[in-house]
Amino acid sequence: LRWLENCLRRAAEDREEDGVSHPVPLVPLTEENEDAMENRRFHTLLRQ
């Protein structure tokens, strides 16, 4: 959740600085984040 929060904030900062929006992939670099990205309830949160 902290990783996701950080990714969202970083994307917001980048979009403000660049003035351009591109889709940003959420690449889980740790096993813990990878496991979360396979969790059905985590998917529900991402959609929300």
ModelCIF file with pLDDT and N, C-alpha, C, O atoms, coordinates in Angstrom:
data_MODEL
#
_entry.id   MODEL 
#
_entity.id                         1 
_entity.type                       polymer 
_entity.pdbx_number_of_molecules   1 
#
_entity_poly.entity_id                      1 
_entity_poly.type                           'polypeptide(L)' 
_entity_poly.nstd_linkage                   no 
_entity_poly.nstd_monomer                   no 
_entity_poly.pdbx_seq_one_letter_code       LRWLENCLRRAAEDREEDGVSHPVPLVPLTEENEDAMENRRFHTLLRQ 
_entity_poly.pdbx_seq_one_letter_code_can   LRWLENCLRRAAEDREEDGVSHPVPLVPLTEENEDAMENRRFHTLLRQ 
_entity_poly.pdbx_strand_id                 A 
#
loop_
_entity_poly_seq.entity_id 
_entity_poly_seq.num 
_entity_poly_seq.mon_id 
_entity_poly_seq.hetero 
1 1  LEU n 
1 2  ARG n 
1 3  TRP n 
1 4  LEU n 
1 5  GLU n 
1 6  ASN n 
1 7  CYS n 
1 8  LEU n 
1 9  ARG n 
1 10 ARG n 
1 11 ALA n 
1 12 ALA n 
1 13 GLU n 
1 14 ASP n 
1 15 ARG n 
1 16 GLU n 
1 17 GLU n 
1 18 ASP n 
1 19 GLY n 
1 20 VAL n 
1 21 SER n 
1 22 HIS n 
1 23 PRO n 
1 24 VAL n 
1 25 PRO n 
1 26 LEU n 
1 27 VAL n 
1 28 PRO n 
1 29 LEU n 
1 30 THR n 
1 31 GLU n 
1 32 GLU n 
1 33 ASN n 
1 34 GLU n 
1 35 ASP n 
1 36 ALA n 
1 37 MET n 
1 38 GLU n 
1 39 ASN n 
1 40 ARG n 
1 41 ARG n 
1 42 PHE n 
1 43 HIS n 
1 44 THR n 
1 45 LEU n 
1 46 LEU n 
1 47 ARG n 
1 48 GLN n 
#
_struct_asym.id          A 
_struct_asym.entity_id   1 
#
loop_
_ma_qa_metric.id 
_ma_qa_metric.mode 
_ma_qa_metric.name 
_ma_qa_metric.software_group_id 
_ma_qa_metric.type 
1 global pLDDT . pLDDT 
2 local  pLDDT . pLDDT 
#
_ma_qa_metric_global.metric_id      1 
_ma_qa_metric_global.metric_value   94.92 
_ma_qa_metric_global.model_id       1 
_ma_qa_metric_global.ordinal_id     1 
#
loop_
_ma_qa_metric_local.label_asym_id 
_ma_qa_metric_local.label_comp_id 
_ma_qa_metric_local.label_seq_id 
_ma_qa_metric_local.metric_id 
_ma_qa_metric_local.metric_value 
_ma_qa_metric_local.model_id 
_ma_qa_metric_local.ordinal_id 
A LEU 1  2 95.00 1 1  
A ARG 2  2 96.00 1 2  
A TRP 3  2 97.00 1 3  
A LEU 4  2 96.00 1 4  
A GLU 5  2 96.00 1 5  
A ASN 6  2 96.00 1 6  
A CYS 7  2 96.00 1 7  
A LEU 8  2 97.00 1 8  
A ARG 9  2 97.00 1 9  
A ARG 10 2 96.00 1 10 
A ALA 11 2 97.00 1 11 
A ALA 12 2 97.00 1 12 
A GLU 13 2 96.00 1 13 
A ASP 14 2 95.00 1 14 
A ARG 15 2 95.00 1 15 
A GLU 16 2 95.00 1 16 
A GLU 17 2 94.00 1 17 
A ASP 18 2 90.00 1 18 
A GLY 19 2 89.00 1 19 
A VAL 20 2 88.00 1 20 
A SER 21 2 91.00 1 21 
A HIS 22 2 93.00 1 22 
A PRO 23 2 94.00 1 23 
A VAL 24 2 95.00 1 24 
A PRO 25 2 96.00 1 25 
A LEU 26 2 96.00 1 26 
A VAL 27 2 95.00 1 27 
A PRO 28 2 96.00 1 28 
A LEU 29 2 95.00 1 29 
A THR 30 2 96.00 1 30 
A GLU 31 2 97.00 1 31 
A GLU 32 2 97.00 1 32 
A ASN 33 2 96.00 1 33 
A GLU 34 2 96.00 1 34 
A ASP 35 2 96.00 1 35 
A ALA 36 2 96.00 1 36 
A MET 37 2 95.00 1 37 
A GLU 38 2 94.00 1 38 
A ASN 39 2 94.00 1 39 
A ARG 40 2 94.00 1 40 
A ARG 41 2 94.00 1 41 
A PHE 42 2 95.00 1 42 
A HIS 43 2 95.00 1 43 
A THR 44 2 95.00 1 44 
A LEU 45 2 95.00 1 45 
A LEU 46 2 95.00 1 46 
A ARG 47 2 94.00 1 47 
A GLN 48 2 93.00 1 48 
#
loop_
_atom_site.group_PDB 
_atom_site.id 
_atom_site.type_symbol 
_atom_site.label_atom_id 
_atom_site.label_alt_id 
_atom_site.label_comp_id 
_atom_site.label_asym_id 
_atom_site.label_entity_id 
_atom_site.label_seq_id 
_atom_site.pdbx_PDB_ins_code 
_atom_site.Cartn_x 
_atom_site.Cartn_y 
_atom_site.Cartn_z 
_atom_site.occupancy 
_atom_site.B_iso_or_equiv 
_atom_site.pdbx_formal_charge 
_atom_site.auth_seq_id 
_atom_site.auth_comp_id 
_atom_site.auth_asym_id 
_atom_site.auth_atom_id 
_atom_site.pdbx_PDB_model_num 
ATOM 1   N N  . LEU A 1 1  ? 0.837   -1.206  0.000   1.00 95.00 ? 1  LEU A N  1 
ATOM 2   C CA . LEU A 1 1  ? 0.000   0.000   0.000   1.00 95.00 ? 1  LEU A CA 1 
ATOM 3   C C  . LEU A 1 1  ? 0.870   1.255   0.000   1.00 95.00 ? 1  LEU A C  1 
ATOM 4   O O  . LEU A 1 1  ? 0.566   2.220   -0.701  1.00 95.00 ? 1  LEU A O  1 
ATOM 5   N N  . ARG A 1 2  ? 1.958   1.248   0.786   1.00 96.00 ? 2  ARG A N  1 
ATOM 6   C CA . ARG A 1 2  ? 2.880   2.398   0.784   1.00 96.00 ? 2  ARG A CA 1 
ATOM 7   C C  . ARG A 1 2  ? 3.521   2.555   -0.587  1.00 96.00 ? 2  ARG A C  1 
ATOM 8   O O  . ARG A 1 2  ? 3.677   3.671   -1.085  1.00 96.00 ? 2  ARG A O  1 
ATOM 9   N N  . TRP A 1 3  ? 3.895   1.426   -1.197  1.00 97.00 ? 3  TRP A N  1 
ATOM 10  C CA . TRP A 1 3  ? 4.493   1.445   -2.541  1.00 97.00 ? 3  TRP A CA 1 
ATOM 11  C C  . TRP A 1 3  ? 3.507   2.061   -3.536  1.00 97.00 ? 3  TRP A C  1 
ATOM 12  O O  . TRP A 1 3  ? 3.881   2.927   -4.327  1.00 97.00 ? 3  TRP A O  1 
ATOM 13  N N  . LEU A 1 4  ? 2.262   1.620   -3.497  1.00 96.00 ? 4  LEU A N  1 
ATOM 14  C CA . LEU A 1 4  ? 1.235   2.142   -4.412  1.00 96.00 ? 4  LEU A CA 1 
ATOM 15  C C  . LEU A 1 4  ? 1.015   3.636   -4.171  1.00 96.00 ? 4  LEU A C  1 
ATOM 16  O O  . LEU A 1 4  ? 0.939   4.417   -5.120  1.00 96.00 ? 4  LEU A O  1 
ATOM 17  N N  . GLU A 1 5  ? 0.916   4.026   -2.913  1.00 96.00 ? 5  GLU A N  1 
ATOM 18  C CA . GLU A 1 5  ? 0.737   5.444   -2.569  1.00 96.00 ? 5  GLU A CA 1 
ATOM 19  C C  . GLU A 1 5  ? 1.894   6.266   -3.138  1.00 96.00 ? 5  GLU A C  1 
ATOM 20  O O  . GLU A 1 5  ? 1.676   7.328   -3.721  1.00 96.00 ? 5  GLU A O  1 
ATOM 21  N N  . ASN A 1 6  ? 3.124   5.773   -2.969  1.00 96.00 ? 6  ASN A N  1 
ATOM 22  C CA . ASN A 1 6  ? 4.301   6.474   -3.470  1.00 96.00 ? 6  ASN A CA 1 
ATOM 23  C C  . ASN A 1 6  ? 4.268   6.579   -5.000  1.00 96.00 ? 6  ASN A C  1 
ATOM 24  O O  . ASN A 1 6  ? 4.606   7.625   -5.554  1.00 96.00 ? 6  ASN A O  1 
ATOM 25  N N  . CYS A 1 7  ? 3.866   5.511   -5.677  1.00 96.00 ? 7  CYS A N  1 
ATOM 26  C CA . CYS A 1 7  ? 3.783   5.535   -7.146  1.00 96.00 ? 7  CYS A CA 1 
ATOM 27  C C  . CYS A 1 7  ? 2.767   6.580   -7.615  1.00 96.00 ? 7  CYS A C  1 
ATOM 28  O O  . CYS A 1 7  ? 3.019   7.306   -8.577  1.00 96.00 ? 7  CYS A O  1 
ATOM 29  N N  . LEU A 1 8  ? 1.623   6.654   -6.937  1.00 97.00 ? 8  LEU A N  1 
ATOM 30  C CA . LEU A 1 8  ? 0.590   7.629   -7.307  1.00 97.00 ? 8  LEU A CA 1 
ATOM 31  C C  . LEU A 1 8  ? 1.104   9.059   -7.112  1.00 97.00 ? 8  LEU A C  1 
ATOM 32  O O  . LEU A 1 8  ? 0.902   9.922   -7.965  1.00 97.00 ? 8  LEU A O  1 
ATOM 33  N N  . ARG A 1 9  ? 1.769   9.295   -5.980  1.00 97.00 ? 9  ARG A N  1 
ATOM 34  C CA . ARG A 1 9  ? 2.304   10.644  -5.715  1.00 97.00 ? 9  ARG A CA 1 
ATOM 35  C C  . ARG A 1 9  ? 3.393   11.013  -6.720  1.00 97.00 ? 9  ARG A C  1 
ATOM 36  O O  . ARG A 1 9  ? 3.445   12.147  -7.196  1.00 97.00 ? 9  ARG A O  1 
ATOM 37  N N  . ARG A 1 10 ? 4.253   10.062  -7.038  1.00 96.00 ? 10 ARG A N  1 
ATOM 38  C CA . ARG A 1 10 ? 5.336   10.307  -7.999  1.00 96.00 ? 10 ARG A CA 1 
ATOM 39  C C  . ARG A 1 10 ? 4.757   10.620  -9.383  1.00 96.00 ? 10 ARG A C  1 
ATOM 40  O O  . ARG A 1 10 ? 5.241   11.520  -10.069 1.00 96.00 ? 10 ARG A O  1 
ATOM 41  N N  . ALA A 1 11 ? 3.736   9.887   -9.785  1.00 97.00 ? 11 ALA A N  1 
ATOM 42  C CA . ALA A 1 11 ? 3.106   10.145  -11.084 1.00 97.00 ? 11 ALA A CA 1 
ATOM 43  C C  . ALA A 1 11 ? 2.492   11.546  -11.099 1.00 97.00 ? 11 ALA A C  1 
ATOM 44  O O  . ALA A 1 11 ? 2.578   12.248  -12.107 1.00 97.00 ? 11 ALA A O  1 
ATOM 45  N N  . ALA A 1 12 ? 1.878   11.953  -9.996  1.00 97.00 ? 12 ALA A N  1 
ATOM 46  C CA . ALA A 1 12 ? 1.287   13.294  -9.903  1.00 97.00 ? 12 ALA A CA 1 
ATOM 47  C C  . ALA A 1 12 ? 2.379   14.357  -10.052 1.00 97.00 ? 12 ALA A C  1 
ATOM 48  O O  . ALA A 1 12 ? 2.212   15.323  -10.796 1.00 97.00 ? 12 ALA A O  1 
ATOM 49  N N  . GLU A 1 13 ? 3.496   14.174  -9.341  1.00 96.00 ? 13 GLU A N  1 
ATOM 50  C CA . GLU A 1 13 ? 4.604   15.134  -9.432  1.00 96.00 ? 13 GLU A CA 1 
ATOM 51  C C  . GLU A 1 13 ? 5.146   15.211  -10.850 1.00 96.00 ? 13 GLU A C  1 
ATOM 52  O O  . GLU A 1 13 ? 5.373   16.300  -11.378 1.00 96.00 ? 13 GLU A O  1 
ATOM 53  N N  . ASP A 1 14 ? 5.354   14.042  -11.470 1.00 95.00 ? 14 ASP A N  1 
ATOM 54  C CA . ASP A 1 14 ? 5.895   14.008  -12.829 1.00 95.00 ? 14 ASP A CA 1 
ATOM 55  C C  . ASP A 1 14 ? 4.963   14.716  -13.804 1.00 95.00 ? 14 ASP A C  1 
ATOM 56  O O  . ASP A 1 14 ? 5.421   15.447  -14.682 1.00 95.00 ? 14 ASP A O  1 
ATOM 57  N N  . ARG A 1 15 ? 3.659   14.505  -13.653 1.00 95.00 ? 15 ARG A N  1 
ATOM 58  C CA . ARG A 1 15 ? 2.695   15.135  -14.561 1.00 95.00 ? 15 ARG A CA 1 
ATOM 59  C C  . ARG A 1 15 ? 2.665   16.643  -14.381 1.00 95.00 ? 15 ARG A C  1 
ATOM 60  O O  . ARG A 1 15 ? 2.485   17.381  -15.349 1.00 95.00 ? 15 ARG A O  1 
ATOM 61  N N  . GLU A 1 16 ? 2.839   17.108  -13.144 1.00 95.00 ? 16 GLU A N  1 
ATOM 62  C CA . GLU A 1 16 ? 2.881   18.556  -12.910 1.00 95.00 ? 16 GLU A CA 1 
ATOM 63  C C  . GLU A 1 16 ? 4.150   19.157  -13.493 1.00 95.00 ? 16 GLU A C  1 
ATOM 64  O O  . GLU A 1 16 ? 4.108   20.213  -14.125 1.00 95.00 ? 16 GLU A O  1 
ATOM 65  N N  . GLU A 1 17 ? 5.277   18.488  -13.284 1.00 94.00 ? 17 GLU A N  1 
ATOM 66  C CA . GLU A 1 17 ? 6.557   19.007  -13.788 1.00 94.00 ? 17 GLU A CA 1 
ATOM 67  C C  . GLU A 1 17 ? 6.599   19.012  -15.311 1.00 94.00 ? 17 GLU A C  1 
ATOM 68  O O  . GLU A 1 17 ? 6.997   20.003  -15.922 1.00 94.00 ? 17 GLU A O  1 
ATOM 69  N N  . ASP A 1 18 ? 6.185   17.900  -15.923 1.00 90.00 ? 18 ASP A N  1 
ATOM 70  C CA . ASP A 1 18 ? 6.294   17.747  -17.372 1.00 90.00 ? 18 ASP A CA 1 
ATOM 71  C C  . ASP A 1 18 ? 5.144   18.399  -18.128 1.00 90.00 ? 18 ASP A C  1 
ATOM 72  O O  . ASP A 1 18 ? 5.294   18.784  -19.288 1.00 90.00 ? 18 ASP A O  1 
ATOM 73  N N  . GLY A 1 19 ? 4.000   18.520  -17.471 1.00 89.00 ? 19 GLY A N  1 
ATOM 74  C CA . GLY A 1 19 ? 2.817   19.029  -18.161 1.00 89.00 ? 19 GLY A CA 1 
ATOM 75  C C  . GLY A 1 19 ? 2.263   18.032  -19.166 1.00 89.00 ? 19 GLY A C  1 
ATOM 76  O O  . GLY A 1 19 ? 1.402   18.374  -19.977 1.00 89.00 ? 19 GLY A O  1 
ATOM 77  N N  . VAL A 1 20 ? 2.751   16.812  -19.115 1.00 88.00 ? 20 VAL A N  1 
ATOM 78  C CA . VAL A 1 20 ? 2.325   15.765  -20.055 1.00 88.00 ? 20 VAL A CA 1 
ATOM 79  C C  . VAL A 1 20 ? 1.919   14.542  -19.251 1.00 88.00 ? 20 VAL A C  1 
ATOM 80  O O  . VAL A 1 20 ? 2.521   14.238  -18.220 1.00 88.00 ? 20 VAL A O  1 
ATOM 81  N N  . SER A 1 21 ? 0.900   13.843  -19.723 1.00 91.00 ? 21 SER A N  1 
ATOM 82  C CA . SER A 1 21 ? 0.462   12.619  -19.050 1.00 91.00 ? 21 SER A CA 1 
ATOM 83  C C  . SER A 1 21 ? 0.636   11.420  -19.965 1.00 91.00 ? 21 SER A C  1 
ATOM 84  O O  . SER A 1 21 ? 0.160   11.400  -21.100 1.00 91.00 ? 21 SER A O  1 
ATOM 85  N N  . HIS A 1 22 ? 1.325   10.430  -19.440 1.00 93.00 ? 22 HIS A N  1 
ATOM 86  C CA . HIS A 1 22 ? 1.478   9.142   -20.129 1.00 93.00 ? 22 HIS A CA 1 
ATOM 87  C C  . HIS A 1 22 ? 1.000   8.075   -19.160 1.00 93.00 ? 22 HIS A C  1 
ATOM 88  O O  . HIS A 1 22 ? 1.096   8.250   -17.946 1.00 93.00 ? 22 HIS A O  1 
ATOM 89  N N  . PRO A 1 23 ? 0.485   6.965   -19.690 1.00 94.00 ? 23 PRO A N  1 
ATOM 90  C CA . PRO A 1 23 ? 0.164   5.859   -18.768 1.00 94.00 ? 23 PRO A CA 1 
ATOM 91  C C  . PRO A 1 23 ? 1.462   5.392   -18.097 1.00 94.00 ? 23 PRO A C  1 
ATOM 92  O O  . PRO A 1 23 ? 2.505   5.300   -18.744 1.00 94.00 ? 23 PRO A O  1 
ATOM 93  N N  . VAL A 1 24 ? 1.385   5.101   -16.798 1.00 95.00 ? 24 VAL A N  1 
ATOM 94  C CA . VAL A 1 24 ? 2.563   4.676   -16.044 1.00 95.00 ? 24 VAL A CA 1 
ATOM 95  C C  . VAL A 1 24 ? 2.337   3.247   -15.553 1.00 95.00 ? 24 VAL A C  1 
ATOM 96  O O  . VAL A 1 24 ? 1.391   2.992   -14.808 1.00 95.00 ? 24 VAL A O  1 
ATOM 97  N N  . PRO A 1 25 ? 3.201   2.313   -15.967 1.00 96.00 ? 25 PRO A N  1 
ATOM 98  C CA . PRO A 1 25 ? 3.039   0.938   -15.480 1.00 96.00 ? 25 PRO A CA 1 
ATOM 99  C C  . PRO A 1 25 ? 3.418   0.834   -14.008 1.00 96.00 ? 25 PRO A C  1 
ATOM 100 O O  . PRO A 1 25 ? 4.358   1.483   -13.549 1.00 96.00 ? 25 PRO A O  1 
ATOM 101 N N  . LEU A 1 26 ? 2.671   0.006   -13.271 1.00 96.00 ? 26 LEU A N  1 
ATOM 102 C CA . LEU A 1 26 ? 3.003   -0.286  -11.879 1.00 96.00 ? 26 LEU A CA 1 
ATOM 103 C C  . LEU A 1 26 ? 3.841   -1.556  -11.885 1.00 96.00 ? 26 LEU A C  1 
ATOM 104 O O  . LEU A 1 26 ? 3.306   -2.660  -11.992 1.00 96.00 ? 26 LEU A O  1 
ATOM 105 N N  . VAL A 1 27 ? 5.142   -1.399  -11.771 1.00 95.00 ? 27 VAL A N  1 
ATOM 106 C CA . VAL A 1 27 ? 6.056   -2.535  -11.854 1.00 95.00 ? 27 VAL A CA 1 
ATOM 107 C C  . VAL A 1 27 ? 6.484   -2.922  -10.440 1.00 95.00 ? 27 VAL A C  1 
ATOM 108 O O  . VAL A 1 27 ? 7.248   -2.198  -9.801  1.00 95.00 ? 27 VAL A O  1 
ATOM 109 N N  . PRO A 1 28 ? 5.989   -4.069  -9.948  1.00 96.00 ? 28 PRO A N  1 
ATOM 110 C CA . PRO A 1 28 ? 6.372   -4.491  -8.598  1.00 96.00 ? 28 PRO A CA 1 
ATOM 111 C C  . PRO A 1 28 ? 7.790   -5.052  -8.602  1.00 96.00 ? 28 PRO A C  1 
ATOM 112 O O  . PRO A 1 28 ? 8.064   -6.059  -9.255  1.00 96.00 ? 28 PRO A O  1 
ATOM 113 N N  . LEU A 1 29 ? 8.688   -4.397  -7.872  1.00 95.00 ? 29 LEU A N  1 
ATOM 114 C CA . LEU A 1 29 ? 10.091  -4.812  -7.876  1.00 95.00 ? 29 LEU A CA 1 
ATOM 115 C C  . LEU A 1 29 ? 10.458  -5.688  -6.687  1.00 95.00 ? 29 LEU A C  1 
ATOM 116 O O  . LEU A 1 29 ? 11.583  -6.180  -6.596  1.00 95.00 ? 29 LEU A O  1 
ATOM 117 N N  . THR A 1 30 ? 9.507   -5.883  -5.776  1.00 96.00 ? 30 THR A N  1 
ATOM 118 C CA . THR A 1 30 ? 9.779   -6.778  -4.646  1.00 96.00 ? 30 THR A CA 1 
ATOM 119 C C  . THR A 1 30 ? 8.775   -7.925  -4.687  1.00 96.00 ? 30 THR A C  1 
ATOM 120 O O  . THR A 1 30 ? 7.706   -7.821  -5.290  1.00 96.00 ? 30 THR A O  1 
ATOM 121 N N  . GLU A 1 31 ? 9.142   -9.008  -4.037  1.00 97.00 ? 31 GLU A N  1 
ATOM 122 C CA . GLU A 1 31 ? 8.250   -10.165 -3.989  1.00 97.00 ? 31 GLU A CA 1 
ATOM 123 C C  . GLU A 1 31 ? 6.945   -9.812  -3.272  1.00 97.00 ? 31 GLU A C  1 
ATOM 124 O O  . GLU A 1 31 ? 5.867   -10.259 -3.663  1.00 97.00 ? 31 GLU A O  1 
ATOM 125 N N  . GLU A 1 32 ? 7.063   -9.000  -2.214  1.00 97.00 ? 32 GLU A N  1 
ATOM 126 C CA . GLU A 1 32 ? 5.881   -8.585  -1.453  1.00 97.00 ? 32 GLU A CA 1 
ATOM 127 C C  . GLU A 1 32 ? 4.898   -7.809  -2.351  1.00 97.00 ? 32 GLU A C  1 
ATOM 128 O O  . GLU A 1 32 ? 3.692   -8.047  -2.305  1.00 97.00 ? 32 GLU A O  1 
ATOM 129 N N  . ASN A 1 33 ? 5.424   -6.881  -3.165  1.00 96.00 ? 33 ASN A N  1 
ATOM 130 C CA . ASN A 1 33 ? 4.560   -6.114  -4.064  1.00 96.00 ? 33 ASN A CA 1 
ATOM 131 C C  . ASN A 1 33 ? 4.021   -6.990  -5.191  1.00 96.00 ? 33 ASN A C  1 
ATOM 132 O O  . ASN A 1 33 ? 2.882   -6.821  -5.627  1.00 96.00 ? 33 ASN A O  1 
ATOM 133 N N  . GLU A 1 34 ? 4.846   -7.928  -5.659  1.00 96.00 ? 34 GLU A N  1 
ATOM 134 C CA . GLU A 1 34 ? 4.395   -8.864  -6.689  1.00 96.00 ? 34 GLU A CA 1 
ATOM 135 C C  . GLU A 1 34 ? 3.213   -9.692  -6.186  1.00 96.00 ? 34 GLU A C  1 
ATOM 136 O O  . GLU A 1 34 ? 2.218   -9.872  -6.889  1.00 96.00 ? 34 GLU A O  1 
ATOM 137 N N  . ASP A 1 35 ? 3.344   -10.190 -4.957  1.00 96.00 ? 35 ASP A N  1 
ATOM 138 C CA . ASP A 1 35 ? 2.258   -10.978 -4.366  1.00 96.00 ? 35 ASP A CA 1 
ATOM 139 C C  . ASP A 1 35 ? 0.984   -10.139 -4.256  1.00 96.00 ? 35 ASP A C  1 
ATOM 140 O O  . ASP A 1 35 ? -0.113  -10.619 -4.543  1.00 96.00 ? 35 ASP A O  1 
ATOM 141 N N  . ALA A 1 36 ? 1.142   -8.885  -3.838  1.00 96.00 ? 36 ALA A N  1 
ATOM 142 C CA . ALA A 1 36 ? -0.027  -8.000  -3.714  1.00 96.00 ? 36 ALA A CA 1 
ATOM 143 C C  . ALA A 1 36 ? -0.689  -7.794  -5.072  1.00 96.00 ? 36 ALA A C  1 
ATOM 144 O O  . ALA A 1 36 ? -1.915  -7.749  -5.167  1.00 96.00 ? 36 ALA A O  1 
ATOM 145 N N  . MET A 1 37 ? 0.117   -7.671  -6.113  1.00 95.00 ? 37 MET A N  1 
ATOM 146 C CA . MET A 1 37 ? -0.433  -7.428  -7.453  1.00 95.00 ? 37 MET A CA 1 
ATOM 147 C C  . MET A 1 37 ? -1.174  -8.662  -8.002  1.00 95.00 ? 37 MET A C  1 
ATOM 148 O O  . MET A 1 37 ? -1.832  -8.583  -9.039  1.00 95.00 ? 37 MET A O  1 
ATOM 149 N N  . GLU A 1 38 ? -1.063  -9.782  -7.307  1.00 94.00 ? 38 GLU A N  1 
ATOM 150 C CA . GLU A 1 38 ? -1.817  -10.977 -7.687  1.00 94.00 ? 38 GLU A CA 1 
ATOM 151 C C  . GLU A 1 38 ? -3.021  -11.192 -6.774  1.00 94.00 ? 38 GLU A C  1 
ATOM 152 O O  . GLU A 1 38 ? -3.800  -12.123 -6.980  1.00 94.00 ? 38 GLU A O  1 
ATOM 153 N N  . ASN A 1 39 ? -3.174  -10.333 -5.766  1.00 94.00 ? 39 ASN A N  1 
ATOM 154 C CA . ASN A 1 39 ? -4.242  -10.447 -4.781  1.00 94.00 ? 39 ASN A CA 1 
ATOM 155 C C  . ASN A 1 39 ? -5.538  -9.867  -5.348  1.00 94.00 ? 39 ASN A C  1 
ATOM 156 O O  . ASN A 1 39 ? -5.551  -8.729  -5.817  1.00 94.00 ? 39 ASN A O  1 
ATOM 157 N N  . ARG A 1 40 ? -6.617  -10.635 -5.310  1.00 94.00 ? 40 ARG A N  1 
ATOM 158 C CA . ARG A 1 40 ? -7.900  -10.219 -5.879  1.00 94.00 ? 40 ARG A CA 1 
ATOM 159 C C  . ARG A 1 40 ? -8.426  -8.938  -5.231  1.00 94.00 ? 40 ARG A C  1 
ATOM 160 O O  . ARG A 1 40 ? -8.950  -8.060  -5.918  1.00 94.00 ? 40 ARG A O  1 
ATOM 161 N N  . ARG A 1 41 ? -8.285  -8.835  -3.909  1.00 94.00 ? 41 ARG A N  1 
ATOM 162 C CA . ARG A 1 41 ? -8.778  -7.634  -3.217  1.00 94.00 ? 41 ARG A CA 1 
ATOM 163 C C  . ARG A 1 41 ? -7.915  -6.413  -3.529  1.00 94.00 ? 41 ARG A C  1 
ATOM 164 O O  . ARG A 1 41 ? -8.414  -5.289  -3.572  1.00 94.00 ? 41 ARG A O  1 
ATOM 165 N N  . PHE A 1 42 ? -6.626  -6.637  -3.745  1.00 95.00 ? 42 PHE A N  1 
ATOM 166 C CA . PHE A 1 42 ? -5.750  -5.538  -4.145  1.00 95.00 ? 42 PHE A CA 1 
ATOM 167 C C  . PHE A 1 42 ? -6.161  -5.041  -5.532  1.00 95.00 ? 42 PHE A C  1 
ATOM 168 O O  . PHE A 1 42 ? -6.150  -3.839  -5.795  1.00 95.00 ? 42 PHE A O  1 
ATOM 169 N N  . HIS A 1 43 ? -6.526  -5.980  -6.421  1.00 95.00 ? 43 HIS A N  1 
ATOM 170 C CA . HIS A 1 43 ? -7.037  -5.613  -7.757  1.00 95.00 ? 43 HIS A CA 1 
ATOM 171 C C  . HIS A 1 43 ? -8.288  -4.746  -7.631  1.00 95.00 ? 43 HIS A C  1 
ATOM 172 O O  . HIS A 1 43 ? -8.446  -3.760  -8.351  1.00 95.00 ? 43 HIS A O  1 
ATOM 173 N N  . THR A 1 44 ? -9.170  -5.121  -6.714  1.00 95.00 ? 44 THR A N  1 
ATOM 174 C CA . THR A 1 44 ? -10.392 -4.341  -6.491  1.00 95.00 ? 44 THR A CA 1 
ATOM 175 C C  . THR A 1 44 ? -10.026 -2.918  -6.078  1.00 95.00 ? 44 THR A C  1 
ATOM 176 O O  . THR A 1 44 ? -10.624 -1.955  -6.559  1.00 95.00 ? 44 THR A O  1 
ATOM 177 N N  . LEU A 1 45 ? -9.047  -2.787  -5.187  1.00 95.00 ? 45 LEU A N  1 
ATOM 178 C CA . LEU A 1 45 ? -8.593  -1.464  -4.757  1.00 95.00 ? 45 LEU A CA 1 
ATOM 179 C C  . LEU A 1 45 ? -8.045  -0.678  -5.949  1.00 95.00 ? 45 LEU A C  1 
ATOM 180 O O  . LEU A 1 45 ? -8.379  0.495   -6.123  1.00 95.00 ? 45 LEU A O  1 
ATOM 181 N N  . LEU A 1 46 ? -7.215  -1.309  -6.763  1.00 95.00 ? 46 LEU A N  1 
ATOM 182 C CA . LEU A 1 46 ? -6.642  -0.625  -7.925  1.00 95.00 ? 46 LEU A CA 1 
ATOM 183 C C  . LEU A 1 46 ? -7.750  -0.090  -8.841  1.00 95.00 ? 46 LEU A C  1 
ATOM 184 O O  . LEU A 1 46 ? -7.673  1.033   -9.338  1.00 95.00 ? 46 LEU A O  1 
ATOM 185 N N  . ARG A 1 47 ? -8.775  -0.913  -9.054  1.00 94.00 ? 47 ARG A N  1 
ATOM 186 C CA . ARG A 1 47 ? -9.904  -0.478  -9.893  1.00 94.00 ? 47 ARG A CA 1 
ATOM 187 C C  . ARG A 1 47 ? -10.641 0.700   -9.261  1.00 94.00 ? 47 ARG A C  1 
ATOM 188 O O  . ARG A 1 47 ? -11.015 1.646   -9.953  1.00 94.00 ? 47 ARG A O  1 
ATOM 189 N N  . GLN A 1 48 ? -10.850 0.640   -7.931  1.00 93.00 ? 48 GLN A N  1 
ATOM 190 C CA . GLN A 1 48 ? -11.537 1.730   -7.232  1.00 93.00 ? 48 GLN A CA 1 
ATOM 191 C C  . GLN A 1 48 ? -10.766 3.041   -7.369  1.00 93.00 ? 48 GLN A C  1 
ATOM 192 O O  . GLN A 1 48 ? -11.196 4.068   -6.844  1.00 93.00 ? 48 GLN A O  1 
#
